[in-house]
N, C-alpha and C. Protein backbone atom coordinates (compact mmCIF):
# COMPACT_ATOMS: atom_id res chain seq x y z
N UNK A 1 -19.44 -51.77 25.55
CA UNK A 1 -18.30 -52.80 25.72
C UNK A 1 -18.71 -53.28 24.08
N UNK A 2 -17.50 -53.99 23.81
CA UNK A 2 -17.20 -55.08 22.62
C UNK A 2 -17.53 -56.30 23.08
N UNK A 3 -18.34 -56.99 23.01
CA UNK A 3 -18.66 -58.59 23.43
C UNK A 3 -18.67 -59.48 21.71
N UNK A 4 -17.80 -60.42 22.36
CA UNK A 4 -17.42 -61.44 21.47
C UNK A 4 -18.48 -62.67 21.98
N UNK A 5 -19.27 -63.32 21.46
CA UNK A 5 -19.83 -64.54 21.77
C UNK A 5 -19.44 -65.57 20.68
N UNK A 6 -19.16 -66.61 21.93
CA UNK A 6 -18.61 -67.92 20.76
C UNK A 6 -19.13 -69.32 21.39
N UNK A 7 -19.48 -69.66 20.44
CA UNK A 7 -19.98 -71.30 20.79
C UNK A 7 -19.11 -72.27 20.95
N UNK A 8 -19.02 -73.07 21.87
CA UNK A 8 -18.08 -74.04 21.98
C UNK A 8 -17.68 -74.75 20.71
N UNK A 9 -16.46 -75.28 20.71
CA UNK A 9 -16.17 -76.57 19.53
C UNK A 9 -16.79 -77.89 19.38
N UNK A 10 -16.52 -78.36 18.69
CA UNK A 10 -17.36 -79.60 18.50
C UNK A 10 -17.22 -80.73 19.41
N UNK A 11 -18.05 -81.30 19.86
CA UNK A 11 -17.79 -82.74 20.68
C UNK A 11 -18.57 -83.90 19.87
N UNK A 12 -18.55 -85.14 20.90
CA UNK A 12 -18.96 -86.16 20.02
C UNK A 12 -20.67 -86.41 19.96
N UNK A 13 -20.96 -85.55 21.43
CA UNK A 13 -22.41 -85.31 21.54
C UNK A 13 -23.24 -84.47 20.37
N UNK A 14 -22.52 -83.58 19.83
CA UNK A 14 -22.92 -82.65 18.83
C UNK A 14 -22.84 -83.41 17.32
N UNK A 15 -22.03 -84.56 17.05
CA UNK A 15 -22.02 -85.40 16.00
C UNK A 15 -22.96 -86.16 16.36
N UNK A 16 -23.36 -86.65 17.28
CA UNK A 16 -24.54 -87.81 17.70
C UNK A 16 -25.64 -87.10 17.81
N UNK A 17 -26.05 -85.90 17.74
CA UNK A 17 -27.11 -85.00 17.66
C UNK A 17 -27.96 -85.39 19.11
N UNK A 18 -27.01 -85.54 20.52
CA UNK A 18 -27.49 -85.91 21.61
C UNK A 18 -27.70 -84.36 22.43
N UNK A 19 -28.70 -83.94 23.06
CA UNK A 19 -28.81 -83.12 24.28
C UNK A 19 -28.09 -83.20 25.19
N UNK A 20 -27.05 -82.49 25.26
CA UNK A 20 -25.99 -82.97 26.24
C UNK A 20 -25.99 -81.32 26.93
N UNK A 21 -26.66 -81.13 28.06
CA UNK A 21 -26.43 -79.96 28.83
C UNK A 21 -26.47 -79.58 30.21
N UNK A 22 -25.95 -80.94 30.63
CA UNK A 22 -25.84 -81.28 32.17
C UNK A 22 -24.35 -80.94 32.50
N UNK A 23 -23.85 -80.41 33.68
CA UNK A 23 -22.55 -80.38 33.99
C UNK A 23 -21.87 -81.76 34.53
N UNK A 24 -20.60 -82.05 33.74
CA UNK A 24 -19.67 -81.37 33.33
C UNK A 24 -19.96 -81.50 31.76
N UNK A 25 -20.56 -82.08 31.20
CA UNK A 25 -21.23 -82.09 29.38
C UNK A 25 -19.44 -83.04 29.00
N UNK A 26 -19.81 -83.23 27.71
CA UNK A 26 -18.83 -83.96 26.76
C UNK A 26 -17.77 -82.99 26.78
N UNK A 27 -16.42 -83.68 26.43
CA UNK A 27 -15.16 -82.49 25.72
C UNK A 27 -15.23 -82.65 24.78
N UNK A 28 -14.04 -81.57 24.31
CA UNK A 28 -14.36 -81.48 22.80
C UNK A 28 -13.91 -82.89 22.21
N UNK A 29 -14.27 -83.08 20.91
CA UNK A 29 -13.48 -84.20 20.21
C UNK A 29 -12.12 -83.58 19.44
N UNK A 30 -11.71 -84.65 18.54
CA UNK A 30 -10.52 -83.83 18.02
C UNK A 30 -10.88 -82.59 16.82
N UNK A 31 -11.65 -82.82 16.64
CA UNK A 31 -12.25 -81.59 15.43
C UNK A 31 -12.45 -80.55 16.36
N UNK A 32 -13.14 -80.49 17.57
CA UNK A 32 -13.25 -79.32 18.41
C UNK A 32 -12.20 -78.92 18.94
N UNK A 33 -10.93 -79.79 19.43
CA UNK A 33 -10.07 -79.21 20.00
C UNK A 33 -9.14 -77.96 18.98
N UNK A 34 -9.11 -78.69 17.55
CA UNK A 34 -8.84 -78.02 16.08
C UNK A 34 -9.24 -76.40 16.47
N UNK A 35 -10.70 -76.46 16.48
CA UNK A 35 -11.52 -75.34 16.35
C UNK A 35 -10.79 -74.50 17.10
N UNK A 36 -10.97 -75.00 18.52
CA UNK A 36 -10.14 -73.97 19.74
C UNK A 36 -9.12 -73.27 19.10
N UNK A 37 -8.05 -74.00 18.59
CA UNK A 37 -6.86 -73.69 18.37
C UNK A 37 -6.81 -72.49 17.10
N UNK A 38 -7.77 -72.79 16.41
CA UNK A 38 -8.09 -71.78 15.29
C UNK A 38 -8.69 -70.54 15.54
N UNK A 39 -9.03 -70.62 16.79
CA UNK A 39 -9.76 -69.36 17.32
C UNK A 39 -8.78 -68.14 17.79
N UNK A 40 -7.77 -68.78 18.09
CA UNK A 40 -6.40 -67.75 17.90
C UNK A 40 -5.90 -67.00 17.18
N UNK A 41 -6.08 -67.45 15.85
CA UNK A 41 -5.66 -66.93 14.50
C UNK A 41 -6.95 -65.99 14.06
N UNK A 42 -7.85 -66.82 14.28
CA UNK A 42 -9.35 -65.97 14.13
C UNK A 42 -9.69 -64.52 14.52
N UNK A 43 -8.94 -64.63 15.96
CA UNK A 43 -9.48 -63.37 16.61
C UNK A 43 -8.19 -62.49 17.17
N UNK A 44 -7.22 -62.87 16.07
CA UNK A 44 -5.74 -62.22 16.52
C UNK A 44 -5.78 -60.86 16.50
N UNK A 45 -6.66 -60.00 15.61
CA UNK A 45 -6.66 -58.54 15.72
C UNK A 45 -7.48 -57.96 16.66
N UNK A 46 -8.50 -58.67 17.35
CA UNK A 46 -9.65 -58.43 17.93
C UNK A 46 -8.95 -58.01 19.53
N UNK A 47 -9.72 -56.82 19.70
CA UNK A 47 -9.54 -56.18 21.19
C UNK A 47 -10.12 -57.24 22.51
N UNK A 48 -9.70 -57.67 23.32
CA UNK A 48 -9.73 -58.51 24.04
C UNK A 48 -9.22 -58.35 25.55
N UNK A 49 -9.77 -57.77 26.26
CA UNK A 49 -9.36 -57.79 27.85
C UNK A 49 -9.83 -59.02 28.54
N UNK A 50 -10.96 -59.52 28.35
CA UNK A 50 -10.85 -61.12 29.59
C UNK A 50 -11.49 -61.91 28.55
N UNK A 51 -11.22 -63.26 28.94
CA UNK A 51 -12.05 -63.94 28.61
C UNK A 51 -12.92 -65.21 29.57
N UNK A 52 -14.05 -65.29 29.48
CA UNK A 52 -15.03 -66.16 29.89
C UNK A 52 -15.73 -67.61 29.69
N UNK A 53 -16.06 -68.17 30.31
CA UNK A 53 -16.68 -69.35 29.59
C UNK A 53 -17.68 -69.98 30.54
N UNK A 54 -18.38 -70.59 29.95
CA UNK A 54 -19.36 -71.79 30.83
C UNK A 54 -18.47 -72.47 31.46
N UNK A 55 -18.85 -73.02 32.70
CA UNK A 55 -18.18 -74.12 33.28
C UNK A 55 -18.33 -75.55 32.98
N UNK A 56 -18.83 -75.55 32.03
CA UNK A 56 -19.15 -77.37 31.20
C UNK A 56 -17.49 -77.10 30.31
N UNK A 57 -17.43 -78.45 30.39
CA UNK A 57 -15.96 -78.54 29.97
C UNK A 57 -15.61 -78.24 28.55
N UNK A 58 -16.35 -78.30 27.60
CA UNK A 58 -15.98 -78.33 26.15
C UNK A 58 -16.15 -76.63 26.29
N UNK A 59 -16.60 -75.83 26.91
CA UNK A 59 -16.61 -74.01 26.41
C UNK A 59 -15.16 -73.61 27.23
N UNK A 60 -14.77 -74.60 28.56
CA UNK A 60 -13.64 -74.31 29.03
C UNK A 60 -12.43 -74.62 28.22
N UNK A 61 -12.24 -75.88 27.67
CA UNK A 61 -11.72 -76.00 26.57
C UNK A 61 -11.77 -75.43 25.31
N UNK A 62 -12.55 -74.88 24.63
CA UNK A 62 -12.68 -73.77 23.71
C UNK A 62 -11.90 -72.53 23.81
N UNK A 63 -12.24 -71.97 24.99
CA UNK A 63 -11.54 -70.69 25.69
C UNK A 63 -10.36 -70.83 25.82
N UNK A 64 -9.70 -71.88 26.42
CA UNK A 64 -8.25 -71.87 26.66
C UNK A 64 -6.98 -71.57 26.20
N UNK A 65 -7.02 -72.16 24.56
CA UNK A 65 -5.80 -71.70 23.68
C UNK A 65 -6.19 -70.31 23.69
N UNK A 66 -7.47 -69.25 23.42
CA UNK A 66 -7.43 -67.98 22.99
C UNK A 66 -6.77 -67.19 24.43
N UNK A 67 -7.17 -67.85 25.59
CA UNK A 67 -6.82 -67.05 27.31
C UNK A 67 -5.16 -67.29 26.87
N UNK A 68 -4.58 -68.16 26.61
CA UNK A 68 -3.41 -68.77 26.87
C UNK A 68 -2.60 -67.45 26.00
N UNK A 69 -2.98 -67.59 24.51
CA UNK A 69 -2.48 -66.80 23.82
C UNK A 69 -2.19 -65.30 23.91
N UNK A 70 -3.48 -64.98 25.05
CA UNK A 70 -3.36 -63.63 25.26
C UNK A 70 -2.92 -63.24 26.95
N UNK A 71 -2.29 -64.36 27.27
CA UNK A 71 -1.80 -64.15 28.56
C UNK A 71 -3.07 -64.20 29.50
N UNK A 72 -4.14 -64.61 29.41
CA UNK A 72 -5.43 -64.47 30.55
C UNK A 72 -5.81 -65.80 30.91
N UNK A 73 -6.65 -65.70 31.86
CA UNK A 73 -6.72 -66.79 32.65
C UNK A 73 -8.38 -66.93 32.09
N UNK A 74 -8.91 -68.05 32.14
CA UNK A 74 -10.43 -68.35 31.39
C UNK A 74 -11.33 -68.17 33.04
N UNK A 75 -12.28 -67.28 33.32
CA UNK A 75 -13.04 -67.28 33.90
C UNK A 75 -14.08 -68.16 33.81
N UNK A 76 -14.33 -69.26 34.70
CA UNK A 76 -15.54 -69.73 34.31
C UNK A 76 -16.63 -69.74 35.41
N UNK A 77 -17.96 -69.44 34.46
CA UNK A 77 -19.17 -68.72 35.21
C UNK A 77 -20.15 -69.93 34.48
N UNK A 78 -20.79 -70.19 35.96
CA UNK A 78 -21.75 -71.22 35.15
C UNK A 78 -22.97 -70.51 34.91
N UNK A 79 -23.23 -69.32 35.03
CA UNK A 79 -24.08 -68.79 34.12
C UNK A 79 -24.64 -68.41 32.80
N UNK A 80 -23.38 -69.12 32.44
CA UNK A 80 -23.02 -68.99 30.94
C UNK A 80 -23.60 -70.36 30.45
N UNK A 81 -23.82 -71.21 31.12
CA UNK A 81 -24.28 -72.77 30.90
C UNK A 81 -25.18 -72.68 29.70
N UNK A 82 -25.45 -73.92 29.15
CA UNK A 82 -26.15 -74.24 28.29
C UNK A 82 -27.67 -74.18 28.67
N UNK A 83 -29.03 -74.44 28.14
CA UNK A 83 -30.33 -74.11 28.49
C UNK A 83 -30.32 -75.48 28.92
N UNK A 84 -30.75 -75.93 30.12
CA UNK A 84 -30.77 -77.41 30.75
C UNK A 84 -31.87 -77.81 29.66
N UNK A 85 -31.88 -79.28 29.44
CA UNK A 85 -32.96 -80.09 29.03
C UNK A 85 -33.74 -80.85 29.50
N UNK A 86 -33.23 -80.82 30.91
CA UNK A 86 -34.15 -81.30 32.13
C UNK A 86 -33.89 -82.75 31.73
N UNK A 87 -35.19 -83.32 31.59
CA UNK A 87 -35.63 -84.89 31.86
C UNK A 87 -35.45 -85.35 30.11
N UNK A 88 -35.15 -84.52 29.23
CA UNK A 88 -34.72 -84.60 27.94
C UNK A 88 -33.16 -84.91 27.71
N UNK A 89 -32.45 -84.67 28.99
CA UNK A 89 -30.82 -84.83 28.94
C UNK A 89 -30.49 -85.99 28.25
N UNK A 90 -29.80 -85.82 27.29
CA UNK A 90 -28.90 -86.80 26.15
C UNK A 90 -29.85 -87.49 25.31
N UNK A 91 -30.95 -86.72 25.27
CA UNK A 91 -32.05 -87.40 24.19
C UNK A 91 -31.83 -87.20 22.53
N UNK A 92 -31.72 -88.23 21.70
CA UNK A 92 -31.39 -87.55 20.16
C UNK A 92 -32.54 -86.95 19.78
N UNK A 93 -33.96 -86.93 20.23
CA UNK A 93 -34.90 -86.60 19.49
C UNK A 93 -35.14 -84.75 20.45
N UNK A 94 -35.11 -83.84 19.59
CA UNK A 94 -34.88 -82.68 20.12
C UNK A 94 -36.33 -81.73 19.84
N UNK A 95 -37.11 -82.68 19.42
CA UNK A 95 -38.71 -81.82 19.13
C UNK A 95 -38.84 -81.30 20.50
N UNK A 96 -38.87 -81.99 21.54
CA UNK A 96 -39.51 -81.20 22.91
C UNK A 96 -38.73 -80.05 23.50
N UNK A 97 -37.25 -80.16 23.13
CA UNK A 97 -36.53 -79.41 24.00
C UNK A 97 -36.77 -78.00 22.71
N UNK A 98 -36.97 -78.11 21.36
CA UNK A 98 -36.83 -77.07 20.70
C UNK A 98 -38.40 -76.29 20.67
N UNK A 99 -39.34 -76.92 20.85
CA UNK A 99 -40.74 -76.51 21.28
C UNK A 99 -40.75 -75.61 22.49
N UNK A 100 -40.00 -76.28 23.23
CA UNK A 100 -39.94 -75.34 24.51
C UNK A 100 -39.04 -74.03 24.36
N UNK A 101 -38.17 -73.61 23.54
CA UNK A 101 -37.56 -72.75 23.23
C UNK A 101 -38.32 -72.00 22.38
N UNK A 102 -39.14 -72.66 21.25
CA UNK A 102 -39.99 -71.54 20.52
C UNK A 102 -40.88 -71.02 21.03
N UNK A 103 -41.69 -71.30 22.10
CA UNK A 103 -42.72 -71.26 23.32
C UNK A 103 -42.51 -70.23 24.10
N UNK A 104 -41.08 -69.78 23.99
CA UNK A 104 -40.72 -68.65 25.08
C UNK A 104 -40.74 -67.35 24.43
N UNK A 105 -41.05 -67.39 22.81
CA UNK A 105 -41.68 -66.09 22.45
C UNK A 105 -42.71 -65.47 22.82
N UNK A 106 -43.80 -66.38 23.21
CA UNK A 106 -45.18 -65.87 24.10
C UNK A 106 -45.47 -66.47 25.44
N UNK A 107 -44.28 -67.31 25.76
CA UNK A 107 -44.47 -67.58 27.24
C UNK A 107 -43.04 -68.00 28.08
N UNK A 108 -42.28 -67.22 28.62
CA UNK A 108 -41.17 -66.89 28.90
C UNK A 108 -41.01 -67.97 30.56
N UNK A 109 -42.26 -68.07 30.69
CA UNK A 109 -42.17 -68.77 31.99
C UNK A 109 -42.37 -70.38 31.98
N UNK A 110 -42.58 -71.11 30.57
CA UNK A 110 -42.85 -72.16 30.15
C UNK A 110 -41.38 -73.20 30.63
N UNK A 111 -41.47 -74.23 30.69
CA UNK A 111 -40.40 -75.09 31.05
C UNK A 111 -40.62 -76.33 31.13
N UNK A 112 -39.74 -77.31 30.76
CA UNK A 112 -39.81 -78.76 31.01
C UNK A 112 -39.22 -79.58 32.18
N UNK A 113 -39.55 -80.49 32.56
CA UNK A 113 -39.26 -80.89 33.50
C UNK A 113 -37.93 -80.80 33.84
N UNK A 114 -37.19 -80.31 34.88
CA UNK A 114 -36.09 -80.64 35.28
C UNK A 114 -35.28 -79.34 34.90
N UNK A 115 -36.02 -78.29 33.81
CA UNK A 115 -35.13 -77.37 33.26
C UNK A 115 -35.59 -75.93 33.79
N UNK A 116 -35.02 -74.95 33.23
CA UNK A 116 -35.39 -73.67 33.49
C UNK A 116 -36.42 -73.04 32.50
N UNK A 117 -37.16 -71.86 33.20
CA UNK A 117 -38.33 -70.98 32.43
C UNK A 117 -37.21 -70.09 31.67
N UNK A 118 -37.62 -69.48 30.74
CA UNK A 118 -36.85 -68.35 29.57
C UNK A 118 -36.53 -66.97 30.40
N UNK A 119 -37.48 -66.84 31.63
CA UNK A 119 -36.80 -65.69 32.50
C UNK A 119 -35.49 -65.84 33.04
N UNK A 120 -35.79 -67.41 33.86
CA UNK A 120 -34.35 -67.78 34.61
C UNK A 120 -33.17 -67.98 34.01
N UNK A 121 -33.40 -68.21 32.70
CA UNK A 121 -32.14 -68.53 31.58
C UNK A 121 -31.53 -66.99 31.25
N UNK A 122 -32.63 -66.23 31.12
CA UNK A 122 -32.07 -65.10 30.47
C UNK A 122 -31.42 -64.25 31.47
N UNK A 123 -32.35 -64.17 33.19
CA UNK A 123 -31.58 -63.50 34.04
C UNK A 123 -30.49 -64.21 34.65
N UNK A 124 -29.73 -65.16 34.31
CA UNK A 124 -28.81 -65.64 35.02
C UNK A 124 -27.53 -65.27 33.78
N UNK A 125 -27.91 -65.33 32.63
CA UNK A 125 -26.89 -64.77 31.52
C UNK A 125 -26.90 -63.56 31.51
N UNK A 126 -28.19 -62.55 31.54
CA UNK A 126 -28.00 -61.09 31.48
C UNK A 126 -27.06 -60.77 33.10
N UNK A 127 -27.14 -61.28 34.11
CA UNK A 127 -26.20 -61.33 34.97
C UNK A 127 -24.93 -61.20 35.04
N UNK A 128 -24.81 -62.36 34.11
CA UNK A 128 -23.13 -62.73 33.91
C UNK A 128 -22.46 -61.53 33.19
N UNK A 129 -23.24 -60.99 31.97
CA UNK A 129 -23.00 -59.98 31.12
C UNK A 129 -22.80 -58.70 31.63
N UNK A 130 -23.74 -58.63 32.63
CA UNK A 130 -23.73 -57.03 33.58
C UNK A 130 -22.85 -56.93 34.19
N UNK A 131 -22.19 -58.01 34.55
CA UNK A 131 -21.05 -57.95 35.88
C UNK A 131 -19.58 -57.84 34.93
N UNK A 132 -19.57 -58.44 33.74
CA UNK A 132 -18.36 -58.35 32.96
C UNK A 132 -18.51 -56.89 32.45
N UNK A 133 -19.44 -56.39 31.90
CA UNK A 133 -19.74 -55.19 31.18
C UNK A 133 -19.15 -53.73 32.42
N UNK A 134 -19.53 -54.26 33.84
CA UNK A 134 -19.08 -53.32 34.78
C UNK A 134 -17.55 -53.06 35.16
N UNK A 135 -16.89 -54.13 34.35
CA UNK A 135 -15.45 -54.08 34.80
C UNK A 135 -14.65 -53.93 32.97
N UNK A 136 -15.16 -54.40 32.16
CA UNK A 136 -14.48 -54.48 30.89
C UNK A 136 -14.98 -53.75 29.82
N UNK A 137 -13.88 -53.44 28.66
CA UNK A 137 -14.46 -52.48 27.67
C UNK A 137 -14.61 -53.49 26.22
N UNK A 138 -13.60 -54.70 26.71
CA UNK A 138 -14.21 -55.93 25.76
C UNK A 138 -14.02 -57.35 26.41
N UNK A 139 -14.39 -58.18 25.72
CA UNK A 139 -14.45 -59.80 26.78
C UNK A 139 -15.18 -60.79 25.44
N UNK A 140 -14.58 -61.71 25.80
CA UNK A 140 -15.11 -63.04 25.16
C UNK A 140 -16.12 -63.80 26.24
N UNK A 141 -17.51 -64.33 25.58
CA UNK A 141 -17.90 -65.30 26.53
C UNK A 141 -17.87 -66.33 25.77
N UNK A 142 -17.65 -67.72 25.99
CA UNK A 142 -17.47 -69.03 25.11
C UNK A 142 -18.65 -70.00 25.93
N UNK A 143 -19.97 -69.95 24.99
CA UNK A 143 -21.20 -70.60 25.50
C UNK A 143 -21.72 -71.45 25.07
N UNK A 144 -22.77 -71.78 24.67
CA UNK A 144 -23.75 -72.88 23.85
C UNK A 144 -24.60 -72.35 23.15
N UNK A 145 -24.69 -73.26 21.74
CA UNK A 145 -26.02 -72.93 20.81
C UNK A 145 -26.73 -72.60 21.44
N UNK A 146 -27.90 -72.95 22.10
CA UNK A 146 -29.33 -72.91 22.19
C UNK A 146 -29.32 -71.55 23.18
N UNK A 147 -28.07 -71.55 24.17
CA UNK A 147 -28.20 -70.35 25.17
C UNK A 147 -27.88 -69.07 24.20
N UNK A 148 -26.81 -69.16 23.25
CA UNK A 148 -26.42 -68.03 22.54
C UNK A 148 -27.46 -67.57 21.65
N UNK A 149 -28.38 -68.61 21.00
CA UNK A 149 -29.35 -68.27 20.13
C UNK A 149 -30.50 -67.77 21.17
N UNK A 150 -30.93 -67.93 21.96
CA UNK A 150 -32.06 -67.33 23.20
C UNK A 150 -31.77 -66.15 23.21
N UNK A 151 -30.46 -65.97 23.67
CA UNK A 151 -30.21 -64.53 24.21
C UNK A 151 -29.79 -63.50 23.33
N UNK A 152 -29.41 -63.97 21.83
CA UNK A 152 -29.32 -63.10 20.68
C UNK A 152 -30.61 -62.59 20.27
N UNK A 153 -31.50 -63.17 20.56
CA UNK A 153 -32.93 -63.28 20.10
C UNK A 153 -33.81 -62.07 20.69
N UNK A 154 -33.62 -62.26 22.07
CA UNK A 154 -34.11 -61.60 22.91
C UNK A 154 -33.51 -59.99 23.42
N UNK A 155 -32.13 -60.58 23.35
CA UNK A 155 -31.40 -59.21 23.58
C UNK A 155 -30.53 -58.37 22.72
N UNK A 156 -30.40 -59.11 21.17
CA UNK A 156 -29.85 -58.61 20.40
C UNK A 156 -30.58 -58.26 19.44
N UNK A 157 -31.78 -58.80 19.62
CA UNK A 157 -32.71 -58.43 17.96
C UNK A 157 -32.79 -58.75 16.67
N UNK A 158 -31.59 -60.54 16.74
CA UNK A 158 -31.79 -61.10 15.91
C UNK A 158 -32.72 -62.08 15.75
N UNK A 159 -33.49 -62.11 14.30
CA UNK A 159 -33.97 -63.30 13.61
C UNK A 159 -33.82 -64.31 14.39
N UNK A 160 -34.44 -64.95 14.98
CA UNK A 160 -34.55 -66.46 15.52
C UNK A 160 -33.90 -67.52 14.55
N UNK A 161 -34.53 -67.15 13.29
CA UNK A 161 -34.33 -68.03 12.20
C UNK A 161 -32.73 -67.95 11.64
N UNK A 162 -32.23 -67.10 12.31
CA UNK A 162 -30.92 -66.67 12.06
C UNK A 162 -30.03 -67.57 12.81
N UNK A 163 -30.18 -67.39 14.09
CA UNK A 163 -29.41 -67.80 15.26
C UNK A 163 -29.74 -69.37 15.50
N UNK A 164 -31.04 -69.87 14.90
CA UNK A 164 -31.43 -71.17 15.11
C UNK A 164 -30.25 -72.03 15.06
N UNK A 165 -29.49 -72.29 14.46
CA UNK A 165 -28.33 -73.15 14.36
C UNK A 165 -26.73 -72.27 14.35
N UNK A 166 -26.08 -71.95 15.44
CA UNK A 166 -25.19 -71.67 15.44
C UNK A 166 -24.13 -72.90 15.12
N UNK A 167 -23.09 -72.77 14.28
CA UNK A 167 -22.11 -73.92 14.06
C UNK A 167 -20.89 -73.88 15.15
N UNK A 168 -20.34 -74.49 15.39
CA UNK A 168 -19.41 -74.72 16.59
C UNK A 168 -18.05 -73.68 16.13
N UNK A 169 -17.79 -72.71 17.16
CA UNK A 169 -16.85 -71.88 17.26
C UNK A 169 -17.28 -70.94 16.35
N UNK A 170 -18.89 -70.58 16.17
CA UNK A 170 -19.39 -69.47 15.51
C UNK A 170 -18.58 -68.27 16.74
N UNK A 171 -18.51 -66.73 15.67
CA UNK A 171 -18.34 -65.67 16.62
C UNK A 171 -19.28 -64.74 16.08
N UNK A 172 -19.84 -64.30 17.11
CA UNK A 172 -20.88 -63.02 16.94
C UNK A 172 -20.48 -61.93 17.69
N UNK A 173 -20.52 -61.12 17.14
CA UNK A 173 -19.84 -59.49 17.77
C UNK A 173 -20.62 -58.39 17.91
N UNK A 174 -20.51 -57.99 19.13
CA UNK A 174 -21.79 -56.56 19.55
C UNK A 174 -21.12 -55.81 20.57
N UNK A 175 -21.17 -54.47 19.91
CA UNK A 175 -21.27 -53.54 20.80
C UNK A 175 -22.20 -52.70 21.39
N UNK A 176 -22.13 -52.30 22.89
CA UNK A 176 -23.17 -51.83 23.77
C UNK A 176 -22.80 -52.16 25.07
N UNK A 177 -24.33 -52.09 25.71
CA UNK A 177 -23.90 -52.02 27.21
C UNK A 177 -25.32 -52.61 27.55
N UNK A 178 -25.47 -53.54 28.56
CA UNK A 178 -26.61 -53.91 29.23
C UNK A 178 -27.87 -53.03 29.24
N UNK A 179 -27.49 -51.91 30.02
CA UNK A 179 -28.45 -50.72 30.13
C UNK A 179 -28.66 -50.19 28.97
N UNK A 180 -28.20 -49.95 27.44
CA UNK A 180 -28.51 -49.38 26.67
C UNK A 180 -29.06 -50.01 25.36
N UNK A 181 -28.57 -51.38 25.51
CA UNK A 181 -28.76 -52.17 24.15
C UNK A 181 -27.89 -52.56 23.46
N UNK A 182 -27.78 -53.62 22.77
CA UNK A 182 -26.40 -54.11 21.69
C UNK A 182 -26.87 -53.84 20.38
N UNK A 183 -25.62 -53.71 19.72
CA UNK A 183 -25.61 -53.48 17.93
C UNK A 183 -24.96 -54.74 17.97
N UNK A 184 -25.60 -55.43 16.48
CA UNK A 184 -24.98 -56.51 16.33
C UNK A 184 -23.52 -56.08 15.29
N UNK A 185 -22.22 -56.43 15.58
CA UNK A 185 -21.41 -55.90 14.62
C UNK A 185 -21.01 -56.80 13.70
N UNK A 186 -20.74 -57.89 13.91
CA UNK A 186 -20.87 -59.26 12.99
C UNK A 186 -21.17 -60.21 13.46
N UNK A 187 -22.22 -60.59 11.95
CA UNK A 187 -22.81 -61.88 12.11
C UNK A 187 -21.98 -63.13 11.10
N UNK A 188 -20.97 -62.33 10.60
CA UNK A 188 -20.61 -63.35 9.70
C UNK A 188 -19.91 -64.77 9.77
N UNK A 189 -19.77 -64.95 11.31
CA UNK A 189 -19.13 -66.35 11.36
C UNK A 189 -20.37 -66.84 11.52
N UNK A 190 -21.67 -67.05 11.24
CA UNK A 190 -23.01 -67.73 11.59
C UNK A 190 -23.00 -68.89 10.31
């Protein structure tokens, strides 16, 4: 299957460097709304059968113009949500959150209060991808920076330093299947 992973467009929480991971989350700001619109042209030639997104507002708003241009509905799925910051929610200091993500390299059960372990995060995202792959040959998933970075590191074999900071509306294209693994087709949008 051909899988397009896209980080949502810009929000004021991004601009203010706030750990905004809880539902419903911040909406796109004007820049983010423009970024969402440009995805229509950026992906004009791409084969896309379905458009999925996290159920956080910013992801749905990012996916909507692309889905509408293709005559598709955005399928909202909570499994594609951001990695929860727990007690660090809305904190401008990302140190503890970042340390948790890095610790997953050695201890996938580590978490912070109110958060999820690395195993829980991967299990939910993997389940969503597997369900999509069982039905579609190509799809888009609009998700979040940390979530995509961790999944690409663990499942796509991408070096963590490469995906450590995904820009808003970065597009990563993979080919493969959950059972056989993934090949990165394009990291050009990082």
